[in-house]
């Protein structure tokens, strides 16, 4: 009899199996990365993009960790028998939002940028002056000609002369009959 279940080979990829980097790590390019042998052989447009990423103050993250050549030794440990690791890096434009530019480079060109167990500092290019007043102020009267969507008095109905007050007594409406409770059949 054949099984209806597929055998799945699965493993966890820990930090020190893949050269010390994991997906989501905050990294930076090492000092002198452009004098590395790999950088001298890389195409100019790739070096320009790396220089642009390096000069920006935005956060760089590891997108994925890949082996230089596919591992064929076993399906249990994907890092077993590999020569080297390449890292896909990307720039974070907001927490969890990447700009769509992914660059693959050898792991020896990057290093971790601080502890990865805390949130990173907000880059200066994403900070802006805000006019926030935490002390409540009295709402100024808005002109009666104000738009319904922007005038607070028209939104809440406080400008209605006829229905401004709520009554505290039951009002019998003509022709209204009380509904029979549908739960009376269920509760004995």
C-alpha atoms as a PDB file:
ATOM      1  CA  UNK A   1       0.000   0.000   0.000  1.00  0.00           C
ATOM      2  CA  UNK A   2       1.372   3.419  -0.892  1.00  0.00           C
ATOM      3  CA  UNK A   3       1.427   6.209   1.650  1.00  0.00           C
ATOM      4  CA  UNK A   4      -0.646   9.329   1.154  1.00  0.00           C
ATOM      5  CA  UNK A   5       2.014  11.366   2.915  1.00  0.00           C
ATOM      6  CA  UNK A   6       5.166  12.794   1.380  1.00  0.00           C
ATOM      7  CA  UNK A   7       8.460  12.589   3.205  1.00  0.00           C
ATOM      8  CA  UNK A   8       9.773  16.075   3.883  1.00  0.00           C
ATOM      9  CA  UNK A   9      13.420  16.694   4.694  1.00  0.00           C
ATOM     10  CA  UNK A  10      13.679  19.841   6.733  1.00  0.00           C
ATOM     11  CA  UNK A  11      16.304  21.533   8.847  1.00  0.00           C
ATOM     12  CA  UNK A  12      16.917  24.783  10.649  1.00  0.00           C
ATOM     13  CA  UNK A  13      19.604  27.068   9.293  1.00  0.00           C
ATOM     14  CA  UNK A  14      21.424  28.436  12.311  1.00  0.00           C
ATOM     15  CA  UNK A  15      23.681  31.493  12.405  1.00  0.00           C
ATOM     16  CA  UNK A  16      27.018  29.705  12.280  1.00  0.00           C
ATOM     17  CA  UNK A  17      26.099  27.241   9.533  1.00  0.00           C
ATOM     18  CA  UNK A  18      25.812  29.940   6.895  1.00  0.00           C
ATOM     19  CA  UNK A  19      28.888  32.009   7.531  1.00  0.00           C
ATOM     20  CA  UNK A  20      27.379  33.921  10.458  1.00  0.00           C
ATOM     21  CA  UNK A  21      24.506  35.673   8.662  1.00  0.00           C
ATOM     22  CA  UNK A  22      20.765  35.059   8.794  1.00  0.00           C
ATOM     23  CA  UNK A  23      17.902  36.530   6.806  1.00  0.00           C
ATOM     24  CA  UNK A  24      16.850  39.834   8.356  1.00  0.00           C
ATOM     25  CA  UNK A  25      20.224  40.701   9.888  1.00  0.00           C
ATOM     26  CA  UNK A  26      21.203  44.368   9.860  1.00  0.00           C
ATOM     27  CA  UNK A  27      24.536  44.664   8.101  1.00  0.00           C
ATOM     28  CA  UNK A  28      26.968  47.180   6.638  1.00  0.00           C
ATOM     29  CA  UNK A  29      29.653  46.935   4.003  1.00  0.00           C
ATOM     30  CA  UNK A  30      33.135  46.483   5.427  1.00  0.00           C
ATOM     31  CA  UNK A  31      35.655  49.293   5.289  1.00  0.00           C
ATOM     32  CA  UNK A  32      37.599  49.026   2.016  1.00  0.00           C
ATOM     33  CA  UNK A  33      35.066  46.724   0.340  1.00  0.00           C
ATOM     34  CA  UNK A  34      35.764  48.376  -3.034  1.00  0.00           C
ATOM     35  CA  UNK A  35      39.446  47.265  -2.966  1.00  0.00           C
ATOM     36  CA  UNK A  36      38.518  43.589  -2.565  1.00  0.00           C
ATOM     37  CA  UNK A  37      39.410  41.222  -5.417  1.00  0.00           C
ATOM     38  CA  UNK A  38      35.724  40.486  -6.063  1.00  0.00           C
ATOM     39  CA  UNK A  39      34.965  44.217  -6.349  1.00  0.00           C
ATOM     40  CA  UNK A  40      37.720  44.772  -8.916  1.00  0.00           C
ATOM     41  CA  UNK A  41      36.226  42.060 -11.146  1.00  0.00           C
ATOM     42  CA  UNK A  42      32.565  43.052 -10.675  1.00  0.00           C
ATOM     43  CA  UNK A  43      30.729  45.094 -13.355  1.00  0.00           C
ATOM     44  CA  UNK A  44      30.783  48.854 -12.918  1.00  0.00           C
ATOM     45  CA  UNK A  45      26.976  49.167 -12.574  1.00  0.00           C
ATOM     46  CA  UNK A  46      27.078  46.737  -9.636  1.00  0.00           C
ATOM     47  CA  UNK A  47      29.879  48.687  -7.955  1.00  0.00           C
ATOM     48  CA  UNK A  48      27.915  51.927  -8.505  1.00  0.00           C
ATOM     49  CA  UNK A  49      24.838  50.397  -6.861  1.00  0.00           C
ATOM     50  CA  UNK A  50      26.908  49.111  -3.920  1.00  0.00           C
ATOM     51  CA  UNK A  51      28.492  52.547  -3.531  1.00  0.00           C
ATOM     52  CA  UNK A  52      25.005  54.109  -3.561  1.00  0.00           C
ATOM     53  CA  UNK A  53      23.823  51.666  -0.860  1.00  0.00           C
ATOM     54  CA  UNK A  54      26.955  52.293   1.201  1.00  0.00           C
ATOM     55  CA  UNK A  55      26.682  56.099   1.057  1.00  0.00           C
ATOM     56  CA  UNK A  56      23.010  56.105   2.057  1.00  0.00           C
ATOM     57  CA  UNK A  57      22.090  56.208   5.732  1.00  0.00           C
ATOM     58  CA  UNK A  58      19.220  53.745   5.248  1.00  0.00           C
ATOM     59  CA  UNK A  59      19.401  50.340   6.903  1.00  0.00           C
ATOM     60  CA  UNK A  60      20.851  47.413   4.937  1.00  0.00           C
ATOM     61  CA  UNK A  61      19.417  43.970   5.641  1.00  0.00           C
ATOM     62  CA  UNK A  62      20.254  40.421   4.621  1.00  0.00           C
ATOM     63  CA  UNK A  63      17.563  39.215   2.238  1.00  0.00           C
ATOM     64  CA  UNK A  64      18.829  35.666   1.836  1.00  0.00           C
ATOM     65  CA  UNK A  65      21.890  33.509   2.426  1.00  0.00           C
ATOM     66  CA  UNK A  66      22.900  31.338  -0.523  1.00  0.00           C
ATOM     67  CA  UNK A  67      25.645  28.838  -1.119  1.00  0.00           C
ATOM     68  CA  UNK A  68      28.156  29.518  -3.851  1.00  0.00           C
ATOM     69  CA  UNK A  69      27.395  26.096  -5.312  1.00  0.00           C
ATOM     70  CA  UNK A  70      24.403  23.908  -4.460  1.00  0.00           C
ATOM     71  CA  UNK A  71      24.984  21.356  -1.723  1.00  0.00           C
ATOM     72  CA  UNK A  72      24.542  17.798  -2.956  1.00  0.00           C
ATOM     73  CA  UNK A  73      25.898  15.827  -0.007  1.00  0.00           C
ATOM     74  CA  UNK A  74      22.603  15.425   1.833  1.00  0.00           C
ATOM     75  CA  UNK A  75      19.142  16.799   2.109  1.00  0.00           C
ATOM     76  CA  UNK A  76      19.383  17.146   5.880  1.00  0.00           C
ATOM     77  CA  UNK A  77      21.976  19.915   6.125  1.00  0.00           C
ATOM     78  CA  UNK A  78      21.879  22.376   3.263  1.00  0.00           C
ATOM     79  CA  UNK A  79      25.171  23.992   4.299  1.00  0.00           C
ATOM     80  CA  UNK A  80      27.169  20.791   4.438  1.00  0.00           C
ATOM     81  CA  UNK A  81      29.894  20.554   1.811  1.00  0.00           C
ATOM     82  CA  UNK A  82      29.609  24.085   0.460  1.00  0.00           C
ATOM     83  CA  UNK A  83      32.597  26.204  -0.487  1.00  0.00           C
ATOM     84  CA  UNK A  84      31.384  29.673   0.380  1.00  0.00           C
ATOM     85  CA  UNK A  85      28.260  31.741   0.937  1.00  0.00           C
ATOM     86  CA  UNK A  86      26.877  34.678  -0.990  1.00  0.00           C
ATOM     87  CA  UNK A  87      24.481  37.109   0.608  1.00  0.00           C
ATOM     88  CA  UNK A  88      21.580  39.001  -0.971  1.00  0.00           C
ATOM     89  CA  UNK A  89      21.342  42.435   0.616  1.00  0.00           C
ATOM     90  CA  UNK A  90      18.628  45.048   0.288  1.00  0.00           C
ATOM     91  CA  UNK A  91      17.877  48.513   1.593  1.00  0.00           C
ATOM     92  CA  UNK A  92      15.052  49.063   4.074  1.00  0.00           C
ATOM     93  CA  UNK A  93      13.042  52.214   3.340  1.00  0.00           C
ATOM     94  CA  UNK A  94      10.600  51.648   6.224  1.00  0.00           C
ATOM     95  CA  UNK A  95      10.335  48.889   8.829  1.00  0.00           C
ATOM     96  CA  UNK A  96       9.726  45.726   6.812  1.00  0.00           C
ATOM     97  CA  UNK A  97       9.568  47.575   3.470  1.00  0.00           C
ATOM     98  CA  UNK A  98      12.384  47.093   0.991  1.00  0.00           C
ATOM     99  CA  UNK A  99      13.095  49.259  -2.025  1.00  0.00           C
ATOM    100  CA  UNK A 100      13.220  46.347  -4.483  1.00  0.00           C
ATOM    101  CA  UNK A 101      16.968  46.530  -5.139  1.00  0.00           C
ATOM    102  CA  UNK A 102      18.642  43.249  -4.191  1.00  0.00           C
ATOM    103  CA  UNK A 103      22.394  42.831  -4.627  1.00  0.00           C
ATOM    104  CA  UNK A 104      24.249  39.531  -4.268  1.00  0.00           C
ATOM    105  CA  UNK A 105      27.791  39.715  -2.941  1.00  0.00           C
ATOM    106  CA  UNK A 106      30.264  37.469  -1.094  1.00  0.00           C
ATOM    107  CA  UNK A 107      29.944  37.274   2.663  1.00  0.00           C
ATOM    108  CA  UNK A 108      33.487  38.583   3.202  1.00  0.00           C
ATOM    109  CA  UNK A 109      32.410  42.084   2.069  1.00  0.00           C
ATOM    110  CA  UNK A 110      29.850  42.625   4.834  1.00  0.00           C
ATOM    111  CA  UNK A 111      29.676  42.597   8.626  1.00  0.00           C
ATOM    112  CA  UNK A 112      26.926  42.798  11.226  1.00  0.00           C
ATOM    113  CA  UNK A 113      25.969  46.354  12.131  1.00  0.00           C
ATOM    114  CA  UNK A 114      25.311  46.262  15.853  1.00  0.00           C
ATOM    115  CA  UNK A 115      23.150  43.851  17.834  1.00  0.00           C
ATOM    116  CA  UNK A 116      20.353  42.233  15.856  1.00  0.00           C
ATOM    117  CA  UNK A 117      18.137  41.589  18.879  1.00  0.00           C
ATOM    118  CA  UNK A 118      16.968  45.210  19.170  1.00  0.00           C
ATOM    119  CA  UNK A 119      15.320  47.646  16.807  1.00  0.00           C
ATOM    120  CA  UNK A 120      17.743  49.768  14.781  1.00  0.00           C
ATOM    121  CA  UNK A 121      17.971  53.526  15.129  1.00  0.00           C
ATOM    122  CA  UNK A 122      15.855  55.558  12.723  1.00  0.00           C
ATOM    123  CA  UNK A 123      18.060  56.960   9.930  1.00  0.00           C
ATOM    124  CA  UNK A 124      18.367  60.744   9.784  1.00  0.00           C
ATOM    125  CA  UNK A 125      16.926  60.847   6.254  1.00  0.00           C
ATOM    126  CA  UNK A 126      13.635  59.385   7.572  1.00  0.00           C
ATOM    127  CA  UNK A 127      13.301  61.833  10.474  1.00  0.00           C
ATOM    128  CA  UNK A 128      11.247  64.964   9.961  1.00  0.00           C
ATOM    129  CA  UNK A 129      10.105  67.927  11.973  1.00  0.00           C
ATOM    130  CA  UNK A 130       6.654  67.419  13.403  1.00  0.00           C
ATOM    131  CA  UNK A 131       4.278  69.984  14.796  1.00  0.00           C
ATOM    132  CA  UNK A 132       2.862  67.878  17.624  1.00  0.00           C
ATOM    133  CA  UNK A 133       1.274  69.523  20.628  1.00  0.00           C
ATOM    134  CA  UNK A 134       0.596  67.041  23.410  1.00  0.00           C
ATOM    135  CA  UNK A 135      -1.381  69.576  25.463  1.00  0.00           C
ATOM    136  CA  UNK A 136      -5.092  69.608  24.565  1.00  0.00           C
ATOM    137  CA  UNK A 137      -6.479  72.905  23.337  1.00  0.00           C
ATOM    138  CA  UNK A 138     -10.041  74.168  23.121  1.00  0.00           C
ATOM    139  CA  UNK A 139     -11.684  73.574  19.746  1.00  0.00           C
ATOM    140  CA  UNK A 140     -12.265  76.846  17.935  1.00  0.00           C
ATOM    141  CA  UNK A 141     -15.733  77.503  16.512  1.00  0.00           C
ATOM    142  CA  UNK A 142     -15.938  76.608  12.856  1.00  0.00           C
ATOM    143  CA  UNK A 143     -17.964  78.758  10.488  1.00  0.00           C
ATOM    144  CA  UNK A 144     -21.466  77.445   9.751  1.00  0.00           C
ATOM    145  CA  UNK A 145     -20.712  77.365   6.014  1.00  0.00           C
ATOM    146  CA  UNK A 146     -18.045  74.728   6.607  1.00  0.00           C
ATOM    147  CA  UNK A 147     -18.057  71.514   4.627  1.00  0.00           C
ATOM    148  CA  UNK A 148     -19.961  68.595   6.170  1.00  0.00           C
ATOM    149  CA  UNK A 149     -16.809  66.476   6.219  1.00  0.00           C
ATOM    150  CA  UNK A 150     -14.572  69.060   7.857  1.00  0.00           C
ATOM    151  CA  UNK A 151     -16.978  70.898  10.164  1.00  0.00           C
ATOM    152  CA  UNK A 152     -17.141  69.180  13.587  1.00  0.00           C
ATOM    153  CA  UNK A 153     -20.540  70.677  14.402  1.00  0.00           C
ATOM    154  CA  UNK A 154     -22.102  69.373  11.187  1.00  0.00           C
ATOM    155  CA  UNK A 155     -20.517  65.931  11.552  1.00  0.00           C
ATOM    156  CA  UNK A 156     -21.992  65.380  15.014  1.00  0.00           C
ATOM    157  CA  UNK A 157     -25.384  66.927  14.289  1.00  0.00           C
ATOM    158  CA  UNK A 158     -25.127  69.638  16.917  1.00  0.00           C
ATOM    159  CA  UNK A 159     -26.277  72.205  14.360  1.00  0.00           C
ATOM    160  CA  UNK A 160     -29.724  70.485  14.026  1.00  0.00           C
ATOM    161  CA  UNK A 161     -32.247  72.861  15.632  1.00  0.00           C
ATOM    162  CA  UNK A 162     -35.128  70.313  15.837  1.00  0.00           C
ATOM    163  CA  UNK A 163     -33.428  67.127  17.055  1.00  0.00           C
ATOM    164  CA  UNK A 164     -30.807  68.620  19.310  1.00  0.00           C
ATOM    165  CA  UNK A 165     -32.095  67.115  22.600  1.00  0.00           C
ATOM    166  CA  UNK A 166     -32.828  63.492  23.417  1.00  0.00           C
ATOM    167  CA  UNK A 167     -35.912  62.598  25.437  1.00  0.00           C
ATOM    168  CA  UNK A 168     -35.748  60.449  28.543  1.00  0.00           C
ATOM    169  CA  UNK A 169     -39.302  59.002  28.172  1.00  0.00           C
ATOM    170  CA  UNK A 170     -40.668  56.215  25.975  1.00  0.00           C
ATOM    171  CA  UNK A 171     -42.550  57.594  22.996  1.00  0.00           C
ATOM    172  CA  UNK A 172     -45.326  55.437  21.559  1.00  0.00           C
ATOM    173  CA  UNK A 173     -45.205  55.611  17.786  1.00  0.00           C
ATOM    174  CA  UNK A 174     -48.408  55.222  15.829  1.00  0.00           C
ATOM    175  CA  UNK A 175     -48.890  51.824  14.190  1.00  0.00           C
ATOM    176  CA  UNK A 176     -45.915  50.263  15.976  1.00  0.00           C
ATOM    177  CA  UNK A 177     -46.464  46.827  17.487  1.00  0.00           C
ATOM    178  CA  UNK A 178     -44.107  44.951  19.717  1.00  0.00           C
ATOM    179  CA  UNK A 179     -42.418  41.911  18.200  1.00  0.00           C
ATOM    180  CA  UNK A 180     -42.945  38.472  19.695  1.00  0.00           C
ATOM    181  CA  UNK A 181     -39.825  37.023  21.186  1.00  0.00           C
ATOM    182  CA  UNK A 182     -38.464  34.181  19.045  1.00  0.00           C
ATOM    183  CA  UNK A 183     -36.588  32.805  22.034  1.00  0.00           C
ATOM    184  CA  UNK A 184     -39.738  32.066  24.008  1.00  0.00           C
ATOM    185  CA  UNK A 185     -40.013  28.705  22.234  1.00  0.00           C
ATOM    186  CA  UNK A 186     -36.501  27.697  23.316  1.00  0.00           C
ATOM    187  CA  UNK A 187     -36.501  28.730  26.950  1.00  0.00           C
ATOM    188  CA  UNK A 188     -38.815  26.795  29.235  1.00  0.00           C
END
